[in-house]
Amino acid sequence: MTLAIHVIAAEYLSEYKILVKFNDNKQQVVDFGDFLRNNPHPQHDKYLDHKKFQQFKIENGTIVWGEDWDMIFPVEQLHAGHIHS
């Protein structure tokens, strides 16, 4: 049986970096800065504000921002430690 990877915890570190912990005991520091700076979008731009960026939560096994999931990334990318633009 294959273990479905999901986020179990996340901790803001600095700038746009979050330490993400997974159910397979792996941890990754993921830097979302390049994505935010290189992919301007009204839905994402507000998260360039560090205070807003820190307001993420874990839902359905991944990290999300905003009430309506304004920003969400595939768990596979988080697990690999980098976000694809």
PDB file of N, CA and C in Angstrom:
ATOM      1  N   MET A   1       0.839  -1.179   0.000  1.00  0.00           N
ATOM      2  CA  MET A   1       0.000   0.000   0.000  1.00  0.00           C
ATOM      3  C   MET A   1       0.888   1.248   0.000  1.00  0.00           C
ATOM      4  N   THR A   2       0.604   2.184  -0.876  1.00  0.00           N
ATOM      5  CA  THR A   2       1.378   3.413  -0.985  1.00  0.00           C
ATOM      6  C   THR A   2       0.819   4.466  -0.037  1.00  0.00           C
ATOM      7  N   LEU A   3       1.721   5.140   0.628  1.00  0.00           N
ATOM      8  CA  LEU A   3       1.338   6.195   1.551  1.00  0.00           C
ATOM      9  C   LEU A   3       1.052   7.472   0.767  1.00  0.00           C
ATOM     10  N   ALA A   4      -0.138   8.021   0.928  1.00  0.00           N
ATOM     11  CA  ALA A   4      -0.465   9.294   0.284  1.00  0.00           C
ATOM     12  C   ALA A   4       0.208  10.404   1.083  1.00  0.00           C
ATOM     13  N   ILE A   5       1.088  11.130   0.428  1.00  0.00           N
ATOM     14  CA  ILE A   5       1.841  12.188   1.096  1.00  0.00           C
ATOM     15  C   ILE A   5       0.921  13.379   1.362  1.00  0.00           C
ATOM     16  N   HIS A   6       0.995  13.900   2.583  1.00  0.00           N
ATOM     17  CA  HIS A   6       0.265  15.114   2.902  1.00  0.00           C
ATOM     18  C   HIS A   6       1.004  15.891   3.983  1.00  0.00           C
ATOM     19  N   VAL A   7       0.688  17.168   4.046  1.00  0.00           N
ATOM     20  CA  VAL A   7       1.306  18.079   5.008  1.00  0.00           C
ATOM     21  C   VAL A   7       0.646  17.868   6.368  1.00  0.00           C
ATOM     22  N   ILE A   8       1.477  17.726   7.404  1.00  0.00           N
ATOM     23  CA  ILE A   8       0.937  17.576   8.753  1.00  0.00           C
ATOM     24  C   ILE A   8       1.226  18.796   9.628  1.00  0.00           C
ATOM     25  N   ALA A   9       2.218  19.602   9.226  1.00  0.00           N
ATOM     26  CA  ALA A   9       2.558  20.805   9.983  1.00  0.00           C
ATOM     27  C   ALA A   9       3.353  21.746   9.090  1.00  0.00           C
ATOM     28  N   ALA A  10       3.325  23.027   9.445  1.00  0.00           N
ATOM     29  CA  ALA A  10       4.091  24.025   8.703  1.00  0.00           C
ATOM     30  C   ALA A  10       4.428  25.168   9.655  1.00  0.00           C
ATOM     31  N   GLU A  11       5.633  25.674   9.496  1.00  0.00           N
ATOM     32  CA  GLU A  11       6.116  26.729  10.380  1.00  0.00           C
ATOM     33  C   GLU A  11       6.772  27.828   9.563  1.00  0.00           C
ATOM     34  N   TYR A  12       6.298  29.053   9.738  1.00  0.00           N
ATOM     35  CA  TYR A  12       6.897  30.190   9.053  1.00  0.00           C
ATOM     36  C   TYR A  12       8.310  30.395   9.587  1.00  0.00           C
ATOM     37  N   LEU A  13       9.276  30.597   8.675  1.00  0.00           N
ATOM     38  CA  LEU A  13      10.659  30.816   9.080  1.00  0.00           C
ATOM     39  C   LEU A  13      11.068  32.274   8.907  1.00  0.00           C
ATOM     40  N   SER A  14      11.046  32.765   7.675  1.00  0.00           N
ATOM     41  CA  SER A  14      11.441  34.139   7.375  1.00  0.00           C
ATOM     42  C   SER A  14      11.097  34.444   5.922  1.00  0.00           C
ATOM     43  N   GLU A  15      11.074  35.758   5.599  1.00  0.00           N
ATOM     44  CA  GLU A  15      10.782  36.186   4.225  1.00  0.00           C
ATOM     45  C   GLU A  15       9.557  35.434   3.690  1.00  0.00           C
ATOM     46  N   TYR A  16       9.794  34.558   2.699  1.00  0.00           N
ATOM     47  CA  TYR A  16       8.720  33.738   2.124  1.00  0.00           C
ATOM     48  C   TYR A  16       9.033  32.253   2.305  1.00  0.00           C
ATOM     49  N   LYS A  17       9.741  31.935   3.352  1.00  0.00           N
ATOM     50  CA  LYS A  17      10.158  30.553   3.605  1.00  0.00           C
ATOM     51  C   LYS A  17       9.312  29.918   4.700  1.00  0.00           C
ATOM     52  N   ILE A  18       8.896  28.685   4.419  1.00  0.00           N
ATOM     53  CA  ILE A  18       8.099  27.905   5.368  1.00  0.00           C
ATOM     54  C   ILE A  18       8.730  26.524   5.491  1.00  0.00           C
ATOM     55  N   LEU A  19       8.875  26.065   6.719  1.00  0.00           N
ATOM     56  CA  LEU A  19       9.296  24.687   6.970  1.00  0.00           C
ATOM     57  C   LEU A  19       8.045  23.834   6.919  1.00  0.00           C
ATOM     58  N   VAL A  20       8.009  22.904   5.973  1.00  0.00           N
ATOM     59  CA  VAL A  20       6.836  22.060   5.768  1.00  0.00           C
ATOM     60  C   VAL A  20       7.181  20.642   6.225  1.00  0.00           C
ATOM     61  N   LYS A  21       6.303  20.054   7.045  1.00  0.00           N
ATOM     62  CA  LYS A  21       6.506  18.697   7.560  1.00  0.00           C
ATOM     63  C   LYS A  21       5.428  17.790   6.989  1.00  0.00           C
ATOM     64  N   PHE A  22       5.857  16.603   6.578  1.00  0.00           N
ATOM     65  CA  PHE A  22       4.974  15.659   5.905  1.00  0.00           C
ATOM     66  C   PHE A  22       4.763  14.393   6.731  1.00  0.00           C
ATOM     67  N   ASN A  23       3.744  13.640   6.371  1.00  0.00           N
ATOM     68  CA  ASN A  23       3.402  12.428   7.114  1.00  0.00           C
ATOM     69  C   ASN A  23       4.401  11.286   6.908  1.00  0.00           C
ATOM     70  N   ASP A  24       5.350  11.444   6.000  1.00  0.00           N
ATOM     71  CA  ASP A  24       6.386  10.419   5.818  1.00  0.00           C
ATOM     72  C   ASP A  24       7.668  10.796   6.572  1.00  0.00           C
ATOM     73  N   ASN A  25       7.558  11.749   7.501  1.00  0.00           N
ATOM     74  CA  ASN A  25       8.662  12.255   8.329  1.00  0.00           C
ATOM     75  C   ASN A  25       9.639  13.149   7.589  1.00  0.00           C
ATOM     76  N   LYS A  26       9.386  13.444   6.332  1.00  0.00           N
ATOM     77  CA  LYS A  26      10.244  14.360   5.581  1.00  0.00           C
ATOM     78  C   LYS A  26       9.892  15.794   5.951  1.00  0.00           C
ATOM     79  N   GLN A  27      10.901  16.662   5.932  1.00  0.00           N
ATOM     80  CA  GLN A  27      10.720  18.088   6.150  1.00  0.00           C
ATOM     81  C   GLN A  27      11.431  18.823   5.028  1.00  0.00           C
ATOM     82  N   GLN A  28      10.815  19.899   4.581  1.00  0.00           N
ATOM     83  CA  GLN A  28      11.409  20.717   3.529  1.00  0.00           C
ATOM     84  C   GLN A  28      11.242  22.183   3.875  1.00  0.00           C
ATOM     85  N   VAL A  29      12.267  22.963   3.619  1.00  0.00           N
ATOM     86  CA  VAL A  29      12.122  24.411   3.667  1.00  0.00           C
ATOM     87  C   VAL A  29      11.772  24.839   2.247  1.00  0.00           C
ATOM     88  N   VAL A  30      10.589  25.396   2.091  1.00  0.00           N
ATOM     89  CA  VAL A  30      10.116  25.814   0.774  1.00  0.00           C
ATOM     90  C   VAL A  30      10.118  27.342   0.738  1.00  0.00           C
ATOM     91  N   ASP A  31      10.774  27.887  -0.298  1.00  0.00           N
ATOM     92  CA  ASP A  31      10.832  29.333  -0.495  1.00  0.00           C
ATOM     93  C   ASP A  31       9.838  29.705  -1.590  1.00  0.00           C
ATOM     94  N   PHE A  32       8.792  30.422  -1.222  1.00  0.00           N
ATOM     95  CA  PHE A  32       7.743  30.818  -2.155  1.00  0.00           C
ATOM     96  C   PHE A  32       8.036  32.163  -2.813  1.00  0.00           C
ATOM     97  N   GLY A  33       9.156  32.783  -2.463  1.00  0.00           N
ATOM     98  CA  GLY A  33       9.492  34.125  -2.929  1.00  0.00           C
ATOM     99  C   GLY A  33       9.572  34.249  -4.435  1.00  0.00           C
ATOM    100  N   ASP A  34      10.286  33.358  -5.095  1.00  0.00           N
ATOM    101  CA  ASP A  34      10.414  33.445  -6.554  1.00  0.00           C
ATOM    102  C   ASP A  34       9.052  33.339  -7.229  1.00  0.00           C
ATOM    103  N   PHE A  35       8.232  32.425  -6.744  1.00  0.00           N
ATOM    104  CA  PHE A  35       6.903  32.279  -7.332  1.00  0.00           C
ATOM    105  C   PHE A  35       6.119  33.582  -7.201  1.00  0.00           C
ATOM    106  N   LEU A  36       6.105  34.159  -5.999  1.00  0.00           N
ATOM    107  CA  LEU A  36       5.327  35.375  -5.765  1.00  0.00           C
ATOM    108  C   LEU A  36       5.835  36.557  -6.594  1.00  0.00           C
ATOM    109  N   ARG A  37       7.142  36.678  -6.708  1.00  0.00           N
ATOM    110  CA  ARG A  37       7.711  37.811  -7.460  1.00  0.00           C
ATOM    111  C   ARG A  37       7.597  37.626  -8.968  1.00  0.00           C
ATOM    112  N   ASN A  38       7.684  36.393  -9.439  1.00  0.00           N
ATOM    113  CA  ASN A  38       7.726  36.133 -10.881  1.00  0.00           C
ATOM    114  C   ASN A  38       6.374  35.811 -11.506  1.00  0.00           C
ATOM    115  N   ASN A  39       5.343  35.713 -10.693  1.00  0.00           N
ATOM    116  CA  ASN A  39       4.010  35.382 -11.202  1.00  0.00           C
ATOM    117  C   ASN A  39       2.973  36.356 -10.669  1.00  0.00           C
ATOM    118  N   PRO A  40       3.061  37.630 -11.096  1.00  0.00           N
ATOM    119  CA  PRO A  40       2.103  38.607 -10.587  1.00  0.00           C
ATOM    120  C   PRO A  40       0.668  38.210 -10.944  1.00  0.00           C
ATOM    121  N   HIS A  41      -0.184  38.322  -9.964  1.00  0.00           N
ATOM    122  CA  HIS A  41      -1.591  37.995 -10.151  1.00  0.00           C
ATOM    123  C   HIS A  41      -2.346  38.652  -9.003  1.00  0.00           C
ATOM    124  N   PRO A  42      -3.472  39.311  -9.280  1.00  0.00           N
ATOM    125  CA  PRO A  42      -4.206  39.998  -8.210  1.00  0.00           C
ATOM    126  C   PRO A  42      -4.528  39.089  -7.017  1.00  0.00           C
ATOM    127  N   GLN A  43      -4.759  37.828  -7.295  1.00  0.00           N
ATOM    128  CA  GLN A  43      -5.104  36.886  -6.233  1.00  0.00           C
ATOM    129  C   GLN A  43      -3.904  36.572  -5.340  1.00  0.00           C
ATOM    130  N   HIS A  44      -2.690  36.621  -5.910  1.00  0.00           N
ATOM    131  CA  HIS A  44      -1.482  36.259  -5.165  1.00  0.00           C
ATOM    132  C   HIS A  44      -0.724  37.462  -4.629  1.00  0.00           C
ATOM    133  N   ASP A  45      -0.831  38.603  -5.303  1.00  0.00           N
ATOM    134  CA  ASP A  45       0.006  39.767  -4.973  1.00  0.00           C
ATOM    135  C   ASP A  45      -0.099  40.200  -3.524  1.00  0.00           C
ATOM    136  N   LYS A  46      -1.266  40.044  -2.930  1.00  0.00           N
ATOM    137  CA  LYS A  46      -1.428  40.466  -1.533  1.00  0.00           C
ATOM    138  C   LYS A  46      -0.530  39.680  -0.585  1.00  0.00           C
ATOM    139  N   TYR A  47      -0.072  38.502  -1.004  1.00  0.00           N
ATOM    140  CA  TYR A  47       0.781  37.676  -0.143  1.00  0.00           C
ATOM    141  C   TYR A  47       2.252  38.075  -0.216  1.00  0.00           C
ATOM    142  N   LEU A  48       2.563  39.083  -1.030  1.00  0.00           N
ATOM    143  CA  LEU A  48       3.907  39.671  -0.972  1.00  0.00           C
ATOM    144  C   LEU A  48       4.094  40.407   0.350  1.00  0.00           C
ATOM    145  N   ASP A  49       2.998  40.814   0.967  1.00  0.00           N
ATOM    146  CA  ASP A  49       3.021  41.387   2.313  1.00  0.00           C
ATOM    147  C   ASP A  49       3.321  40.246   3.282  1.00  0.00           C
ATOM    148  N   HIS A  50       4.440  40.348   3.978  1.00  0.00           N
ATOM    149  CA  HIS A  50       4.882  39.246   4.851  1.00  0.00           C
ATOM    150  C   HIS A  50       3.840  38.874   5.909  1.00  0.00           C
ATOM    151  N   LYS A  51       3.115  39.856   6.413  1.00  0.00           N
ATOM    152  CA  LYS A  51       2.095  39.552   7.428  1.00  0.00           C
ATOM    153  C   LYS A  51       0.975  38.702   6.835  1.00  0.00           C
ATOM    154  N   LYS A  52       0.566  39.019   5.622  1.00  0.00           N
ATOM    155  CA  LYS A  52      -0.473  38.222   4.968  1.00  0.00           C
ATOM    156  C   LYS A  52       0.064  36.848   4.581  1.00  0.00           C
ATOM    157  N   PHE A  53       1.332  36.808   4.125  1.00  0.00           N
ATOM    158  CA  PHE A  53       1.932  35.534   3.741  1.00  0.00           C
ATOM    159  C   PHE A  53       1.934  34.551   4.914  1.00  0.00           C
ATOM    160  N   GLN A  54       2.155  35.063   6.108  1.00  0.00           N
ATOM    161  CA  GLN A  54       2.222  34.206   7.298  1.00  0.00           C
ATOM    162  C   GLN A  54       0.862  33.643   7.709  1.00  0.00           C
ATOM    163  N   GLN A  55      -0.207  34.094   7.082  1.00  0.00           N
ATOM    164  CA  GLN A  55      -1.549  33.655   7.464  1.00  0.00           C
ATOM    165  C   GLN A  55      -2.010  32.430   6.678  1.00  0.00           C
ATOM    166  N   PHE A  56      -1.116  31.471   6.502  1.00  0.00           N
ATOM    167  CA  PHE A  56      -1.475  30.231   5.818  1.00  0.00           C
ATOM    168  C   PHE A  56      -2.107  29.269   6.828  1.00  0.00           C
ATOM    169  N   LYS A  57      -2.719  28.246   6.294  1.00  0.00           N
ATOM    170  CA  LYS A  57      -3.270  27.186   7.142  1.00  0.00           C
ATOM    171  C   LYS A  57      -3.142  25.862   6.396  1.00  0.00           C
ATOM    172  N   ILE A  58      -3.318  24.789   7.121  1.00  0.00           N
ATOM    173  CA  ILE A  58      -3.275  23.466   6.508  1.00  0.00           C
ATOM    174  C   ILE A  58      -4.710  22.966   6.387  1.00  0.00           C
ATOM    175  N   GLU A  59      -5.088  22.649   5.156  1.00  0.00           N
ATOM    176  CA  GLU A  59      -6.412  22.087   4.889  1.00  0.00           C
ATOM    177  C   GLU A  59      -6.268  21.007   3.842  1.00  0.00           C
ATOM    178  N   ASN A  60      -6.967  19.935   4.027  1.00  0.00           N
ATOM    179  CA  ASN A  60      -6.955  18.817   3.073  1.00  0.00           C
ATOM    180  C   ASN A  60      -5.542  18.357   2.742  1.00  0.00           C
ATOM    181  N   GLY A  61      -4.641  18.384   3.723  1.00  0.00           N
ATOM    182  CA  GLY A  61      -3.303  17.844   3.540  1.00  0.00           C
ATOM    183  C   GLY A  61      -2.325  18.722   2.801  1.00  0.00           C
ATOM    184  N   THR A  62      -2.641  20.010   2.646  1.00  0.00           N
ATOM    185  CA  THR A  62      -1.710  20.917   1.995  1.00  0.00           C
ATOM    186  C   THR A  62      -1.807  22.298   2.632  1.00  0.00           C
ATOM    187  N   ILE A  63      -0.934  23.200   2.206  1.00  0.00           N
ATOM    188  CA  ILE A  63      -0.939  24.570   2.723  1.00  0.00           C
ATOM    189  C   ILE A  63      -1.791  25.427   1.799  1.00  0.00           C
ATOM    190  N   VAL A  64      -2.644  26.242   2.400  1.00  0.00           N
ATOM    191  CA  VAL A  64      -3.492  27.143   1.614  1.00  0.00           C
ATOM    192  C   VAL A  64      -3.477  28.533   2.248  1.00  0.00           C
ATOM    193  N   TRP A  65      -3.754  29.507   1.430  1.00  0.00           N
ATOM    194  CA  TRP A  65      -3.885  30.900   1.863  1.00  0.00           C
ATOM    195  C   TRP A  65      -5.265  31.391   1.457  1.00  0.00           C
ATOM    196  N   GLY A  66      -5.902  32.145   2.318  1.00  0.00           N
ATOM    197  CA  GLY A  66      -7.186  32.754   1.994  1.00  0.00           C
ATOM    198  C   GLY A  66      -8.366  31.838   2.265  1.00  0.00           C
ATOM    199  N   GLU A  67      -9.511  32.469   2.466  1.00  0.00           N
ATOM    200  CA  GLU A  67     -10.748  31.729   2.743  1.00  0.00           C
ATOM    201  C   GLU A  67     -11.139  30.804   1.589  1.00  0.00           C
ATOM    202  N   ASP A  68     -10.910  31.285   0.379  1.00  0.00           N
ATOM    203  CA  ASP A  68     -11.300  30.509  -0.803  1.00  0.00           C
ATOM    204  C   ASP A  68     -10.088  29.898  -1.501  1.00  0.00           C
ATOM    205  N   TRP A  69      -9.047  29.645  -0.716  1.00  0.00           N
ATOM    206  CA  TRP A  69      -7.816  29.052  -1.241  1.00  0.00           C
ATOM    207  C   TRP A  69      -7.263  29.905  -2.376  1.00  0.00           C
ATOM    208  N   ASP A  70      -7.002  31.177  -2.073  1.00  0.00           N
ATOM    209  CA  ASP A  70      -6.432  32.103  -3.054  1.00  0.00           C
ATOM    210  C   ASP A  70      -5.133  31.561  -3.635  1.00  0.00           C
ATOM    211  N   MET A  71      -4.387  30.868  -2.786  1.00  0.00           N
ATOM    212  CA  MET A  71      -3.096  30.345  -3.218  1.00  0.00           C
ATOM    213  C   MET A  71      -2.939  28.946  -2.631  1.00  0.00           C
ATOM    214  N   ILE A  72      -2.594  28.003  -3.500  1.00  0.00           N
ATOM    215  CA  ILE A  72      -2.418  26.603  -3.110  1.00  0.00           C
ATOM    216  C   ILE A  72      -1.414  25.987  -4.082  1.00  0.00           C
ATOM    217  N   PHE A  73      -0.630  25.030  -3.601  1.00  0.00           N
ATOM    218  CA  PHE A  73       0.399  24.397  -4.425  1.00  0.00           C
ATOM    219  C   PHE A  73       0.285  22.882  -4.314  1.00  0.00           C
ATOM    220  N   PRO A  74       0.652  22.163  -5.374  1.00  0.00           N
ATOM    221  CA  PRO A  74       0.602  20.704  -5.313  1.00  0.00           C
ATOM    222  C   PRO A  74       1.518  20.175  -4.198  1.00  0.00           C
ATOM    223  N   VAL A  75       1.025  19.217  -3.458  1.00  0.00           N
ATOM    224  CA  VAL A  75       1.802  18.615  -2.370  1.00  0.00           C
ATOM    225  C   VAL A  75       3.117  18.044  -2.908  1.00  0.00           C
ATOM    226  N   GLU A  76       3.105  17.533  -4.119  1.00  0.00           N
ATOM    227  CA  GLU A  76       4.314  16.959  -4.705  1.00  0.00           C
ATOM    228  C   GLU A  76       5.425  17.998  -4.819  1.00  0.00           C
ATOM    229  N   GLN A  77       5.044  19.227  -5.183  1.00  0.00           N
ATOM    230  CA  GLN A  77       6.048  20.303  -5.290  1.00  0.00           C
ATOM    231  C   GLN A  77       6.561  20.691  -3.906  1.00  0.00           C
ATOM    232  N   LEU A  78       5.680  20.795  -2.948  1.00  0.00           N
ATOM    233  CA  LEU A  78       6.103  21.093  -1.577  1.00  0.00           C
ATOM    234  C   LEU A  78       7.053  20.016  -1.066  1.00  0.00           C
ATOM    235  N   HIS A  79       6.713  18.772  -1.323  1.00  0.00           N
ATOM    236  CA  HIS A  79       7.520  17.629  -0.870  1.00  0.00           C
ATOM    237  C   HIS A  79       8.900  17.637  -1.524  1.00  0.00           C
ATOM    238  N   ALA A  80       8.953  18.095  -2.785  1.00  0.00           N
ATOM    239  CA  ALA A  80      10.230  18.175  -3.504  1.00  0.00           C
ATOM    240  C   ALA A  80      11.047  19.378  -3.043  1.00  0.00           C
ATOM    241  N   GLY A  81      10.396  20.344  -2.411  1.00  0.00           N
ATOM    242  CA  GLY A  81      11.104  21.486  -1.851  1.00  0.00           C
ATOM    243  C   GLY A  81      11.193  22.700  -2.740  1.00  0.00           C
ATOM    244  N   HIS A  82      10.488  22.695  -3.869  1.00  0.00           N
ATOM    245  CA  HIS A  82      10.483  23.875  -4.721  1.00  0.00           C
ATOM    246  C   HIS A  82       9.181  23.983  -5.503  1.00  0.00           C
ATOM    247  N   ILE A  83       8.797  25.212  -5.730  1.00  0.00           N
ATOM    248  CA  ILE A  83       7.555  25.516  -6.419  1.00  0.00           C
ATOM    249  C   ILE A  83       7.868  25.832  -7.876  1.00  0.00           C
ATOM    250  N   HIS A  84       7.107  25.219  -8.777  1.00  0.00           N
ATOM    251  CA  HIS A  84       7.272  25.492 -10.210  1.00  0.00           C
ATOM    252  C   HIS A  84       6.405  26.682 -10.582  1.00  0.00           C
ATOM    253  N   SER A  85       6.960  27.561 -11.346  1.00  0.00           N
ATOM    254  CA  SER A  85       6.206  28.747 -11.772  1.00  0.00           C
ATOM    255  C   SER A  85       5.263  28.412 -12.903  1.00  0.00           C
TER     256      SER A  85
END
